Amino acid sequence: ERIVAAMPKSLDFAQAAALPLTTLASWELLFDRLVARPR
Protein backbone atom coordinates (compact mmCIF):
# COMPACT_ATOMS: atom_id res chain seq x y z
CA GLU A 1 0.00 0.00 0.00
CA ARG A 2 2.91 2.39 0.59
CA ILE A 3 3.59 2.67 -3.15
CA VAL A 4 -0.07 3.02 -4.14
CA ALA A 5 -2.37 6.06 -4.42
CA ALA A 6 -6.01 6.75 -5.10
CA MET A 7 -6.62 7.33 -8.80
CA PRO A 8 -7.21 10.86 -10.08
CA LYS A 9 -10.96 11.44 -9.96
CA SER A 10 -10.97 12.97 -13.44
CA LEU A 11 -9.43 9.94 -15.20
CA ASP A 12 -10.70 6.51 -16.18
CA PHE A 13 -8.67 3.37 -15.53
CA ALA A 14 -6.84 3.41 -18.86
CA GLN A 15 -5.89 7.07 -18.55
CA ALA A 16 -4.63 6.51 -15.00
CA ALA A 17 -2.66 3.35 -15.85
CA ALA A 18 -0.49 5.37 -18.25
CA LEU A 19 0.99 7.46 -15.45
CA PRO A 20 2.58 5.81 -12.39
CA LEU A 21 5.99 4.47 -13.45
CA THR A 22 6.92 7.40 -15.67
CA THR A 23 5.74 9.89 -13.05
CA LEU A 24 7.83 8.27 -10.34
CA ALA A 25 10.87 8.04 -12.60
CA SER A 26 10.69 11.64 -13.78
CA TRP A 27 9.75 13.09 -10.36
CA GLU A 28 12.53 11.30 -8.49
CA LEU A 29 15.11 12.08 -11.18
CA LEU A 30 14.08 15.74 -11.42
CA PHE A 31 13.67 16.60 -7.74
CA ASP A 32 15.66 13.97 -5.78
CA ARG A 33 18.66 13.52 -8.09
CA LEU A 34 18.94 16.75 -10.11
CA VAL A 35 17.55 18.81 -7.21
CA ALA A 36 15.32 21.02 -9.33
CA ARG A 37 13.79 23.76 -7.19
CA PRO A 38 9.97 23.69 -7.14
CA ARG A 39 8.03 26.93 -6.94
Full PDB file with SEQRES, HELIX, SHEET, SSBOND, CRYST1, ORIGX, SCALE, CONECT and MASTER records, all heavy atoms in Angstrom:
SEQRES   1 A   39  GLU ARG ILE VAL ALA ALA MET PRO LYS SER LEU ASP PHE          
SEQRES   2 A   39  ALA GLN ALA ALA ALA LEU PRO LEU THR THR LEU ALA SER          
SEQRES   3 A   39  TRP GLU LEU LEU PHE ASP ARG LEU VAL ALA ARG PRO ARG          
HELIX    1 AA1 PHE A   13  ALA A   17  1                                   5    
HELIX    2 AA2 PRO A   20  TRP A   27  1                                   8    
HELIX    3 AA3 GLU A   28  ARG A   33  3                                   6    
CRYST1    1.000    1.000    1.000  90.00  90.00  90.00 P 1           1          
ORIGX1      1.000000  0.000000  0.000000        0.00000                         
ORIGX2      0.000000  1.000000  0.000000        0.00000                         
ORIGX3      0.000000  0.000000  1.000000        0.00000                         
SCALE1      1.000000  0.000000  0.000000        0.00000                         
SCALE2      0.000000  1.000000  0.000000        0.00000                         
SCALE3      0.000000  0.000000  1.000000        0.00000                         
ATOM      1  N   GLU A   1       0.804  -1.225   0.000  1.00  0.00           N  
ATOM      2  CA  GLU A   1       0.000   0.000   0.000  1.00  0.00           C  
ATOM      3  C   GLU A   1       0.832   1.268   0.000  1.00  0.00           C  
ATOM      4  O   GLU A   1       0.369   2.328  -0.423  1.00  0.00           O  
ATOM      5  CB  GLU A   1      -0.931   0.034   1.212  1.00  0.00           C  
ATOM      6  CG  GLU A   1      -0.234   0.200   2.550  1.00  0.00           C  
ATOM      7  CD  GLU A   1      -1.161   0.716   3.648  1.00  0.00           C  
ATOM      8  OE1 GLU A   1      -2.210   1.300   3.335  1.00  0.00           O  
ATOM      9  OE2 GLU A   1      -0.814   0.540   4.834  1.00  0.00           O  
ATOM     10  N   ARG A   2       2.091   1.184   0.481  1.00  0.00           N  
ATOM     11  CA  ARG A   2       2.906   2.391   0.588  1.00  0.00           C  
ATOM     12  C   ARG A   2       3.306   2.975  -0.759  1.00  0.00           C  
ATOM     13  O   ARG A   2       3.685   4.149  -0.841  1.00  0.00           O  
ATOM     14  CB  ARG A   2       4.151   2.096   1.422  1.00  0.00           C  
ATOM     15  CG  ARG A   2       3.870   1.916   2.903  1.00  0.00           C  
ATOM     16  CD  ARG A   2       5.075   1.406   3.662  1.00  0.00           C  
ATOM     17  NE  ARG A   2       5.341   0.000   3.354  1.00  0.00           N  
ATOM     18  CZ  ARG A   2       6.318  -0.707   3.915  1.00  0.00           C  
ATOM     19  NH1 ARG A   2       7.140  -0.140   4.780  1.00  0.00           N  
ATOM     20  NH2 ARG A   2       6.497  -1.985   3.591  1.00  0.00           N  
ATOM     21  N   ILE A   3       3.214   2.165  -1.830  1.00  0.00           N  
ATOM     22  CA  ILE A   3       3.592   2.671  -3.150  1.00  0.00           C  
ATOM     23  C   ILE A   3       2.367   2.813  -4.056  1.00  0.00           C  
ATOM     24  O   ILE A   3       2.482   2.852  -5.277  1.00  0.00           O  
ATOM     25  CB  ILE A   3       4.673   1.784  -3.796  1.00  0.00           C  
ATOM     26  CG1 ILE A   3       4.228   0.325  -3.913  1.00  0.00           C  
ATOM     27  CG2 ILE A   3       5.963   1.868  -2.987  1.00  0.00           C  
ATOM     28  CD1 ILE A   3       5.228  -0.561  -4.650  1.00  0.00           C  
ATOM     29  N   VAL A   4       1.204   2.944  -3.432  1.00  0.00           N  
ATOM     30  CA  VAL A   4      -0.075   3.021  -4.136  1.00  0.00           C  
ATOM     31  C   VAL A   4      -0.742   4.347  -3.789  1.00  0.00           C  
ATOM     32  O   VAL A   4      -0.513   4.903  -2.723  1.00  0.00           O  
ATOM     33  CB  VAL A   4      -0.983   1.845  -3.719  1.00  0.00           C  
ATOM     34  CG1 VAL A   4      -2.373   1.962  -4.339  1.00  0.00           C  
ATOM     35  CG2 VAL A   4      -0.341   0.513  -4.095  1.00  0.00           C  
ATOM     36  N   ALA A   5      -1.576   4.852  -4.697  1.00  0.00           N  
ATOM     37  CA  ALA A   5      -2.371   6.057  -4.417  1.00  0.00           C  
ATOM     38  C   ALA A   5      -3.754   5.914  -5.030  1.00  0.00           C  
ATOM     39  O   ALA A   5      -3.960   5.118  -5.955  1.00  0.00           O  
ATOM     40  CB  ALA A   5      -1.687   7.305  -4.970  1.00  0.00           C  
ATOM     41  N   ALA A   6      -4.680   6.687  -4.496  1.00  0.00           N  
ATOM     42  CA  ALA A   6      -6.007   6.755  -5.099  1.00  0.00           C  
ATOM     43  C   ALA A   6      -5.905   7.379  -6.485  1.00  0.00           C  
ATOM     44  O   ALA A   6      -5.151   8.337  -6.700  1.00  0.00           O  
ATOM     45  CB  ALA A   6      -6.946   7.578  -4.221  1.00  0.00           C  
ATOM     46  N   MET A   7      -6.648   6.825  -7.428  1.00  0.00           N  
ATOM     47  CA  MET A   7      -6.624   7.335  -8.796  1.00  0.00           C  
ATOM     48  C   MET A   7      -7.112   8.783  -8.858  1.00  0.00           C  
ATOM     49  O   MET A   7      -7.961   9.186  -8.072  1.00  0.00           O  
ATOM     50  CB  MET A   7      -7.553   6.488  -9.688  1.00  0.00           C  
ATOM     51  CG  MET A   7      -6.913   5.316 -10.364  1.00  0.00           C  
ATOM     52  SD  MET A   7      -8.124   4.316 -11.285  1.00  0.00           S  
ATOM     53  CE  MET A   7      -9.108   5.572 -12.121  1.00  0.00           C  
ATOM     54  N   PRO A   8      -6.602   9.552  -9.832  1.00  0.00           N  
ATOM     55  CA  PRO A   8      -7.208  10.859 -10.083  1.00  0.00           C  
ATOM     56  C   PRO A   8      -8.695  10.704 -10.384  1.00  0.00           C  
ATOM     57  O   PRO A   8      -9.095   9.819 -11.143  1.00  0.00           O  
ATOM     58  CB  PRO A   8      -6.436  11.376 -11.304  1.00  0.00           C  
ATOM     59  CG  PRO A   8      -5.138  10.630 -11.287  1.00  0.00           C  
ATOM     60  CD  PRO A   8      -5.466   9.280 -10.729  1.00  0.00           C  
ATOM     61  N   LYS A   9      -9.512  11.549  -9.785  1.00  0.00           N  
ATOM     62  CA  LYS A   9     -10.963  11.439  -9.958  1.00  0.00           C  
ATOM     63  C   LYS A   9     -11.398  11.761 -11.379  1.00  0.00           C  
ATOM     64  O   LYS A   9     -12.452  11.311 -11.835  1.00  0.00           O  
ATOM     65  CB  LYS A   9     -11.675  12.362  -8.975  1.00  0.00           C  
ATOM     66  CG  LYS A   9     -11.499  11.959  -7.511  1.00  0.00           C  
ATOM     67  CD  LYS A   9     -12.218  12.924  -6.589  1.00  0.00           C  
ATOM     68  CE  LYS A   9     -12.169  12.450  -5.131  1.00  0.00           C  
ATOM     69  NZ  LYS A   9     -10.790  12.345  -4.635  1.00  0.00           N  
ATOM     70  N   SER A  10     -10.582  12.520 -12.100  1.00  0.00           N  
ATOM     71  CA  SER A  10     -10.967  12.972 -13.438  1.00  0.00           C  
ATOM     72  C   SER A  10     -10.569  11.997 -14.540  1.00  0.00           C  
ATOM     73  O   SER A  10     -10.851  12.248 -15.721  1.00  0.00           O  
ATOM     74  CB  SER A  10     -10.333  14.338 -13.724  1.00  0.00           C  
ATOM     75  OG  SER A  10      -8.920  14.281 -13.588  1.00  0.00           O  
ATOM     76  N   LEU A  11      -9.905  10.877 -14.194  1.00  0.00           N  
ATOM     77  CA  LEU A  11      -9.429   9.937 -15.203  1.00  0.00           C  
ATOM     78  C   LEU A  11     -10.142   8.601 -15.092  1.00  0.00           C  
ATOM     79  O   LEU A  11     -10.570   8.194 -14.015  1.00  0.00           O  
ATOM     80  CB  LEU A  11      -7.924   9.698 -15.053  1.00  0.00           C  
ATOM     81  CG  LEU A  11      -6.996  10.900 -15.184  1.00  0.00           C  
ATOM     82  CD1 LEU A  11      -5.543  10.437 -15.129  1.00  0.00           C  
ATOM     83  CD2 LEU A  11      -7.253  11.681 -16.461  1.00  0.00           C  
ATOM     84  N   ASP A  12     -10.243   7.901 -16.226  1.00  0.00           N  
ATOM     85  CA  ASP A  12     -10.703   6.514 -16.177  1.00  0.00           C  
ATOM     86  C   ASP A  12      -9.486   5.607 -15.952  1.00  0.00           C  
ATOM     87  O   ASP A  12      -8.349   6.066 -15.840  1.00  0.00           O  
ATOM     88  CB  ASP A  12     -11.494   6.142 -17.432  1.00  0.00           C  
ATOM     89  CG  ASP A  12     -10.683   6.220 -18.725  1.00  0.00           C  
ATOM     90  OD1 ASP A  12      -9.439   6.080 -18.669  1.00  0.00           O  
ATOM     91  OD2 ASP A  12     -11.292   6.408 -19.802  1.00  0.00           O  
ATOM     92  N   PHE A  13      -9.751   4.288 -15.871  1.00  0.00           N  
ATOM     93  CA  PHE A  13      -8.672   3.368 -15.528  1.00  0.00           C  
ATOM     94  C   PHE A  13      -7.542   3.391 -16.551  1.00  0.00           C  
ATOM     95  O   PHE A  13      -6.361   3.367 -16.195  1.00  0.00           O  
ATOM     96  CB  PHE A  13      -9.219   1.940 -15.375  1.00  0.00           C  
ATOM     97  CG  PHE A  13     -10.071   1.755 -14.158  1.00  0.00           C  
ATOM     98  CD1 PHE A  13     -11.445   1.665 -14.267  1.00  0.00           C  
ATOM     99  CD2 PHE A  13      -9.502   1.677 -12.902  1.00  0.00           C  
ATOM    100  CE1 PHE A  13     -12.241   1.491 -13.133  1.00  0.00           C  
ATOM    101  CE2 PHE A  13     -10.279   1.501 -11.762  1.00  0.00           C  
ATOM    102  CZ  PHE A  13     -11.659   1.411 -11.879  1.00  0.00           C  
ATOM    103  N   ALA A  14      -7.870   3.420 -17.826  1.00  0.00           N  
ATOM    104  CA  ALA A  14      -6.835   3.413 -18.859  1.00  0.00           C  
ATOM    105  C   ALA A  14      -5.987   4.674 -18.802  1.00  0.00           C  
ATOM    106  O   ALA A  14      -4.752   4.627 -18.924  1.00  0.00           O  
ATOM    107  CB  ALA A  14      -7.471   3.258 -20.240  1.00  0.00           C  
ATOM    108  N   GLN A  15      -6.631   5.815 -18.627  1.00  0.00           N  
ATOM    109  CA  GLN A  15      -5.888   7.071 -18.549  1.00  0.00           C  
ATOM    110  C   GLN A  15      -4.971   7.091 -17.332  1.00  0.00           C  
ATOM    111  O   GLN A  15      -3.846   7.585 -17.393  1.00  0.00           O  
ATOM    112  CB  GLN A  15      -6.865   8.232 -18.491  1.00  0.00           C  
ATOM    113  CG  GLN A  15      -7.653   8.443 -19.774  1.00  0.00           C  
ATOM    114  CD  GLN A  15      -8.819   9.396 -19.583  1.00  0.00           C  
ATOM    115  OE1 GLN A  15      -9.452   9.439 -18.511  1.00  0.00           O  
ATOM    116  NE2 GLN A  15      -9.130  10.171 -20.607  1.00  0.00           N  
ATOM    117  N   ALA A  16      -5.440   6.532 -16.219  1.00  0.00           N  
ATOM    118  CA  ALA A  16      -4.629   6.513 -15.002  1.00  0.00           C  
ATOM    119  C   ALA A  16      -3.474   5.524 -15.102  1.00  0.00           C  
ATOM    120  O   ALA A  16      -2.366   5.788 -14.611  1.00  0.00           O  
ATOM    121  CB  ALA A  16      -5.504   6.173 -13.794  1.00  0.00           C  
ATOM    122  N   ALA A  17      -3.697   4.383 -15.759  1.00  0.00           N  
ATOM    123  CA  ALA A  17      -2.662   3.355 -15.853  1.00  0.00           C  
ATOM    124  C   ALA A  17      -1.452   3.830 -16.649  1.00  0.00           C  
ATOM    125  O   ALA A  17      -0.363   3.256 -16.537  1.00  0.00           O  
ATOM    126  CB  ALA A  17      -3.235   2.090 -16.482  1.00  0.00           C  
ATOM    127  N   ALA A  18      -1.610   4.855 -17.462  1.00  0.00           N  
ATOM    128  CA  ALA A  18      -0.492   5.370 -18.253  1.00  0.00           C  
ATOM    129  C   ALA A  18       0.544   6.105 -17.405  1.00  0.00           C  
ATOM    130  O   ALA A  18       1.658   6.348 -17.878  1.00  0.00           O  
ATOM    131  CB  ALA A  18      -1.013   6.309 -19.339  1.00  0.00           C  
ATOM    132  N   LEU A  19       0.225   6.446 -16.157  1.00  0.00           N  
ATOM    133  CA  LEU A  19       0.991   7.463 -15.452  1.00  0.00           C  
ATOM    134  C   LEU A  19       1.996   7.019 -14.381  1.00  0.00           C  
ATOM    135  O   LEU A  19       3.007   7.697 -14.193  1.00  0.00           O  
ATOM    136  CB  LEU A  19       0.018   8.458 -14.794  1.00  0.00           C  
ATOM    137  CG  LEU A  19      -0.841   9.271 -15.765  1.00  0.00           C  
ATOM    138  CD1 LEU A  19      -1.854  10.108 -14.986  1.00  0.00           C  
ATOM    139  CD2 LEU A  19       0.031  10.158 -16.628  1.00  0.00           C  
ATOM    140  N   PRO A  20       1.764   5.973 -13.603  1.00  0.00           N  
ATOM    141  CA  PRO A  20       2.576   5.808 -12.386  1.00  0.00           C  
ATOM    142  C   PRO A  20       4.081   5.686 -12.589  1.00  0.00           C  
ATOM    143  O   PRO A  20       4.850   6.457 -11.993  1.00  0.00           O  
ATOM    144  CB  PRO A  20       1.996   4.538 -11.744  1.00  0.00           C  
ATOM    145  CG  PRO A  20       0.590   4.483 -12.242  1.00  0.00           C  
ATOM    146  CD  PRO A  20       0.652   5.005 -13.646  1.00  0.00           C  
ATOM    147  N   LEU A  21       4.551   4.708 -13.365  1.00  0.00           N  
ATOM    148  CA  LEU A  21       5.990   4.469 -13.446  1.00  0.00           C  
ATOM    149  C   LEU A  21       6.733   5.678 -13.996  1.00  0.00           C  
ATOM    150  O   LEU A  21       7.765   6.089 -13.455  1.00  0.00           O  
ATOM    151  CB  LEU A  21       6.289   3.239 -14.310  1.00  0.00           C  
ATOM    152  CG  LEU A  21       7.761   2.825 -14.300  1.00  0.00           C  
ATOM    153  CD1 LEU A  21       8.119   2.146 -12.987  1.00  0.00           C  
ATOM    154  CD2 LEU A  21       8.094   1.930 -15.472  1.00  0.00           C  
ATOM    155  N   THR A  22       6.222   6.264 -15.060  1.00  0.00           N  
ATOM    156  CA  THR A  22       6.921   7.397 -15.667  1.00  0.00           C  
ATOM    157  C   THR A  22       6.870   8.628 -14.769  1.00  0.00           C  
ATOM    158  O   THR A  22       7.810   9.429 -14.762  1.00  0.00           O  
ATOM    159  CB  THR A  22       6.325   7.726 -17.040  1.00  0.00           C  
ATOM    160  OG1 THR A  22       4.914   7.941 -16.912  1.00  0.00           O  
ATOM    161  CG2 THR A  22       6.576   6.592 -18.018  1.00  0.00           C  
ATOM    162  N   THR A  23       5.795   8.789 -14.012  1.00  0.00           N  
ATOM    163  CA  THR A  23       5.745   9.895 -13.054  1.00  0.00           C  
ATOM    164  C   THR A  23       6.784   9.711 -11.970  1.00  0.00           C  
ATOM    165  O   THR A  23       7.537  10.645 -11.644  1.00  0.00           O  
ATOM    166  CB  THR A  23       4.355   9.995 -12.414  1.00  0.00           C  
ATOM    167  OG1 THR A  23       3.394  10.313 -13.413  1.00  0.00           O  
ATOM    168  CG2 THR A  23       4.327  11.066 -11.335  1.00  0.00           C  
ATOM    169  N   LEU A  24       6.850   8.514 -11.393  1.00  0.00           N  
ATOM    170  CA  LEU A  24       7.827   8.270 -10.340  1.00  0.00           C  
ATOM    171  C   LEU A  24       9.247   8.449 -10.856  1.00  0.00           C  
ATOM    172  O   LEU A  24      10.093   9.066 -10.191  1.00  0.00           O  
ATOM    173  CB  LEU A  24       7.635   6.864  -9.781  1.00  0.00           C  
ATOM    174  CG  LEU A  24       6.326   6.617  -9.032  1.00  0.00           C  
ATOM    175  CD1 LEU A  24       6.151   5.136  -8.735  1.00  0.00           C  
ATOM    176  CD2 LEU A  24       6.255   7.431  -7.751  1.00  0.00           C  
ATOM    177  N   ALA A  25       9.525   7.923 -12.039  1.00  0.00           N  
ATOM    178  CA  ALA A  25      10.873   8.037 -12.596  1.00  0.00           C  
ATOM    179  C   ALA A  25      11.249   9.497 -12.830  1.00  0.00           C  
ATOM    180  O   ALA A  25      12.347   9.936 -12.453  1.00  0.00           O  
ATOM    181  CB  ALA A  25      10.965   7.253 -13.896  1.00  0.00           C  
ATOM    182  N   SER A  26      10.368  10.249 -13.452  1.00  0.00           N  
ATOM    183  CA  SER A  26      10.694  11.640 -13.779  1.00  0.00           C  
ATOM    184  C   SER A  26      10.718  12.514 -12.531  1.00  0.00           C  
ATOM    185  O   SER A  26      11.593  13.382 -12.391  1.00  0.00           O  
ATOM    186  CB  SER A  26       9.712  12.188 -14.813  1.00  0.00           C  
ATOM    187  OG  SER A  26       8.375  12.031 -14.402  1.00  0.00           O  
ATOM    188  N   TRP A  27       9.802  12.296 -11.595  1.00  0.00           N  
ATOM    189  CA  TRP A  27       9.753  13.094 -10.365  1.00  0.00           C  
ATOM    190  C   TRP A  27      11.010  12.867  -9.536  1.00  0.00           C  
ATOM    191  O   TRP A  27      11.655  13.826  -9.092  1.00  0.00           O  
ATOM    192  CB  TRP A  27       8.510  12.716  -9.559  1.00  0.00           C  
ATOM    193  CG  TRP A  27       8.200  13.628  -8.407  1.00  0.00           C  
ATOM    194  CD1 TRP A  27       8.980  13.866  -7.310  1.00  0.00           C  
ATOM    195  CD2 TRP A  27       7.018  14.431  -8.240  1.00  0.00           C  
ATOM    196  NE1 TRP A  27       8.359  14.743  -6.470  1.00  0.00           N  
ATOM    197  CE2 TRP A  27       7.160  15.109  -7.004  1.00  0.00           C  
ATOM    198  CE3 TRP A  27       5.870  14.601  -8.996  1.00  0.00           C  
ATOM    199  CZ2 TRP A  27       6.167  15.973  -6.520  1.00  0.00           C  
ATOM    200  CZ3 TRP A  27       4.881  15.461  -8.510  1.00  0.00           C  
ATOM    201  CH2 TRP A  27       5.039  16.141  -7.298  1.00  0.00           C  
ATOM    202  N   GLU A  28      11.351  11.599  -9.307  1.00  0.00           N  
ATOM    203  CA  GLU A  28      12.528  11.299  -8.494  1.00  0.00           C  
ATOM    204  C   GLU A  28      13.811  11.794  -9.154  1.00  0.00           C  
ATOM    205  O   GLU A  28      14.696  12.334  -8.487  1.00  0.00           O  
ATOM    206  CB  GLU A  28      12.608   9.796  -8.229  1.00  0.00           C  
ATOM    207  CG  GLU A  28      11.514   9.292  -7.302  1.00  0.00           C  
ATOM    208  CD  GLU A  28      11.520   7.780  -7.129  1.00  0.00           C  
ATOM    209  OE1 GLU A  28      12.179   7.084  -7.936  1.00  0.00           O  
ATOM    210  OE2 GLU A  28      10.863   7.305  -6.189  1.00  0.00           O  
ATOM    211  N   LEU A  29      13.911  11.621 -10.464  1.00  0.00           N  
ATOM    212  CA  LEU A  29      15.109  12.083 -11.175  1.00  0.00           C  
ATOM    213  C   LEU A  29      15.204  13.600 -11.135  1.00  0.00           C  
ATOM    214  O   LEU A  29      16.280  14.165 -10.891  1.00  0.00           O  
ATOM    215  CB  LEU A  29      15.064  11.586 -12.618  1.00  0.00           C  
ATOM    216  CG  LEU A  29      16.360  11.616 -13.427  1.00  0.00           C  
ATOM    217  CD1 LEU A  29      17.461  10.829 -12.742  1.00  0.00           C  
ATOM    218  CD2 LEU A  29      16.111  11.062 -14.821  1.00  0.00           C  
ATOM    219  N   LEU A  30      14.085  14.281 -11.342  1.00  0.00           N  
ATOM    220  CA  LEU A  30      14.085  15.741 -11.418  1.00  0.00           C  
ATOM    221  C   LEU A  30      14.334  16.382 -10.060  1.00  0.00           C  
ATOM    222  O   LEU A  30      15.179  17.276  -9.927  1.00  0.00           O  
ATOM    223  CB  LEU A  30      12.744  16.212 -11.986  1.00  0.00           C  
ATOM    224  CG  LEU A  30      12.589  17.711 -12.266  1.00  0.00           C  
ATOM    225  CD1 LEU A  30      13.607  18.187 -13.292  1.00  0.00           C  
ATOM    226  CD2 LEU A  30      11.167  18.006 -12.758  1.00  0.00           C  
ATOM    227  N   PHE A  31      13.617  15.919  -9.034  1.00  0.00           N  
ATOM    228  CA  PHE A  31      13.672  16.603  -7.743  1.00  0.00           C  
ATOM    229  C   PHE A  31      14.648  15.957  -6.750  1.00  0.00           C  
ATOM    230  O   PHE A  31      15.315  16.663  -5.991  1.00  0.00           O  
ATOM    231  CB  PHE A  31      12.276  16.683  -7.131  1.00  0.00           C  
ATOM    232  CG  PHE A  31      11.336  17.539  -7.923  1.00  0.00           C  
ATOM    233  CD1 PHE A  31      10.269  16.971  -8.596  1.00  0.00           C  
ATOM    234  CD2 PHE A  31      11.527  18.907  -8.023  1.00  0.00           C  
ATOM    235  CE1 PHE A  31       9.392  17.754  -9.344  1.00  0.00           C  
ATOM    236  CE2 PHE A  31      10.668  19.700  -8.768  1.00  0.00           C  
ATOM    237  CZ  PHE A  31       9.600  19.122  -9.433  1.00  0.00           C  
ATOM    238  N   ASP A  32      14.761  14.629  -6.738  1.00  0.00           N  
ATOM    239  CA  ASP A  32      15.656  13.972  -5.784  1.00  0.00           C  
ATOM    240  C   ASP A  32      17.095  13.927  -6.280  1.00  0.00           C  
ATOM    241  O   ASP A  32      18.026  14.088  -5.482  1.00  0.00           O  
ATOM    242  CB  ASP A  32      15.192  12.544  -5.501  1.00  0.00           C  
ATOM    243  CG  ASP A  32      13.837  12.483  -4.835  1.00  0.00           C  
ATOM    244  OD1 ASP A  32      13.359  13.527  -4.361  1.00  0.00           O  
ATOM    245  OD2 ASP A  32      13.246  11.386  -4.794  1.00  0.00           O  
ATOM    246  N   ARG A  33      17.307  13.677  -7.559  1.00  0.00           N  
ATOM    247  CA  ARG A  33      18.663  13.522  -8.087  1.00  0.00           C  
ATOM    248  C   ARG A  33      19.212  14.848  -8.640  1.00  0.00           C  
ATOM    249  O   ARG A  33      20.310  15.249  -8.309  1.00  0.00           O  
ATOM    250  CB  ARG A  33      18.686  12.455  -9.176  1.00  0.00           C  
ATOM    251  CG  ARG A  33      18.202  11.102  -8.704  1.00  0.00           C  
ATOM    252  CD  ARG A  33      19.164  10.425  -7.727  1.00  0.00           C  
ATOM    253  NE  ARG A  33      18.546   9.244  -7.140  1.00  0.00           N  
ATOM    254  CZ  ARG A  33      17.936   9.216  -5.961  1.00  0.00           C  
ATOM    255  NH1 ARG A  33      17.878  10.319  -5.231  1.00  0.00           N  
ATOM    256  NH2 ARG A  33      17.381   8.122  -5.488  1.00  0.00           N  
ATOM    257  N   LEU A  34      18.460  15.501  -9.515  1.00  0.00           N  
ATOM    258  CA  LEU A  34      18.938  16.754 -10.113  1.00  0.00           C  
ATOM    259  C   LEU A  34      18.642  17.964  -9.243  1.00  0.00           C  
ATOM    260  O   LEU A  34      19.135  19.063  -9.505  1.00  0.00           O  
ATOM    261  CB  LEU A  34      18.305  16.943 -11.499  1.00  0.00           C  
ATOM    262  CG  LEU A  34      18.678  15.896 -12.543  1.00  0.00           C  
ATOM    263  CD1 LEU A  34      17.989  16.193 -13.870  1.00  0.00           C  
ATOM    264  CD2 LEU A  34      20.189  15.821 -12.747  1.00  0.00           C  
ATOM    265  N   VAL A  35      17.859  17.782  -8.205  1.00  0.00           N  
ATOM    266  CA  VAL A  35      17.546  18.814  -7.211  1.00  0.00           C  
ATOM    267  C   VAL A  35      16.998  20.070  -7.878  1.00  0.00           C  
ATOM    268  O   VAL A  35      17.449  21.193  -7.610  1.00  0.00           O  
ATOM    269  CB  VAL A  35      18.768  19.143  -6.310  1.00  0.00           C  
ATOM    270  CG1 VAL A  35      18.328  19.865  -5.040  1.00  0.00           C  
ATOM    271  CG2 VAL A  35      19.520  17.877  -5.932  1.00  0.00           C  
ATOM    272  N   ALA A  36      16.049  19.876  -8.793  1.00  0.00           N  
ATOM    273  CA  ALA A  36      15.317  21.025  -9.331  1.00  0.00           C  
ATOM    274  C   ALA A  36      14.561  21.688  -8.186  1.00  0.00           C  
ATOM    275  O   ALA A  36      14.115  21.030  -7.241  1.00  0.00           O  
ATOM    276  CB  ALA A  36      14.352  20.567 -10.413  1.00  0.00           C  
ATOM    277  N   ARG A  37      14.404  23.002  -8.272  1.00  0.00           N  
ATOM    278  CA  ARG A  37      13.787  23.759  -7.187  1.00  0.00           C  
ATOM    279  C   ARG A  37      12.325  24.057  -7.535  1.00  0.00           C  
ATOM    280  O   ARG A  37      12.053  24.871  -8.424  1.00  0.00           O  
ATOM    281  CB  ARG A  37      14.561  25.050  -6.945  1.00  0.00           C  
ATOM    282  CG  ARG A  37      15.991  24.804  -6.487  1.00  0.00           C  
ATOM    283  CD  ARG A  37      16.710  26.089  -6.122  1.00  0.00           C  
ATOM    284  NE  ARG A  37      17.093  26.864  -7.292  1.00  0.00           N  
ATOM    285  CZ  ARG A  37      18.253  26.715  -7.938  1.00  0.00           C  
ATOM    286  NH1 ARG A  37      19.118  25.788  -7.555  1.00  0.00           N  
ATOM    287  NH2 ARG A  37      18.533  27.473  -8.985  1.00  0.00           N  
ATOM    288  N   PRO A  38      11.380  23.426  -6.836  1.00  0.00           N  
ATOM    289  CA  PRO A  38       9.972  23.689  -7.143  1.00  0.00           C  
ATOM    290  C   PRO A  38       9.553  25.079  -6.675  1.00  0.00           C  
ATOM    291  O   PRO A  38      10.123  25.631  -5.727  1.00  0.00           O  
ATOM    292  CB  PRO A  38       9.226  22.596  -6.370  1.00  0.00           C  
ATOM    293  CG  PRO A  38      10.145  22.215  -5.266  1.00  0.00           C  
ATOM    294  CD  PRO A  38      11.538  22.407  -5.792  1.00  0.00           C  
ATOM    295  N   ARG A  39       8.565  25.638  -7.364  1.00  0.00           N  
ATOM    296  CA  ARG A  39       8.029  26.926  -6.939  1.00  0.00           C  
ATOM    297  C   ARG A  39       7.470  26.798  -5.518  1.00  0.00           C  
ATOM    298  O   ARG A  39       6.985  25.742  -5.131  1.00  0.00           O  
ATOM    299  CB  ARG A  39       6.911  27.372  -7.898  1.00  0.00           C  
ATOM    300  CG  ARG A  39       7.353  27.567  -9.325  1.00  0.00           C  
ATOM    301  CD  ARG A  39       6.229  28.220 -10.146  1.00  0.00           C  
ATOM    302  NE  ARG A  39       6.548  28.147 -11.561  1.00  0.00           N  
ATOM    303  CZ  ARG A  39       6.082  27.194 -12.384  1.00  0.00           C  
ATOM    304  NH1 ARG A  39       5.257  26.273 -11.924  1.00  0.00           N  
ATOM    305  NH2 ARG A  39       6.420  27.186 -13.653  1.00  0.00           N  
TER     306      ARG A  39                                                      
MASTER        0    0    0    3    0    0    0    6  305    1    0    3          
END                                                                             
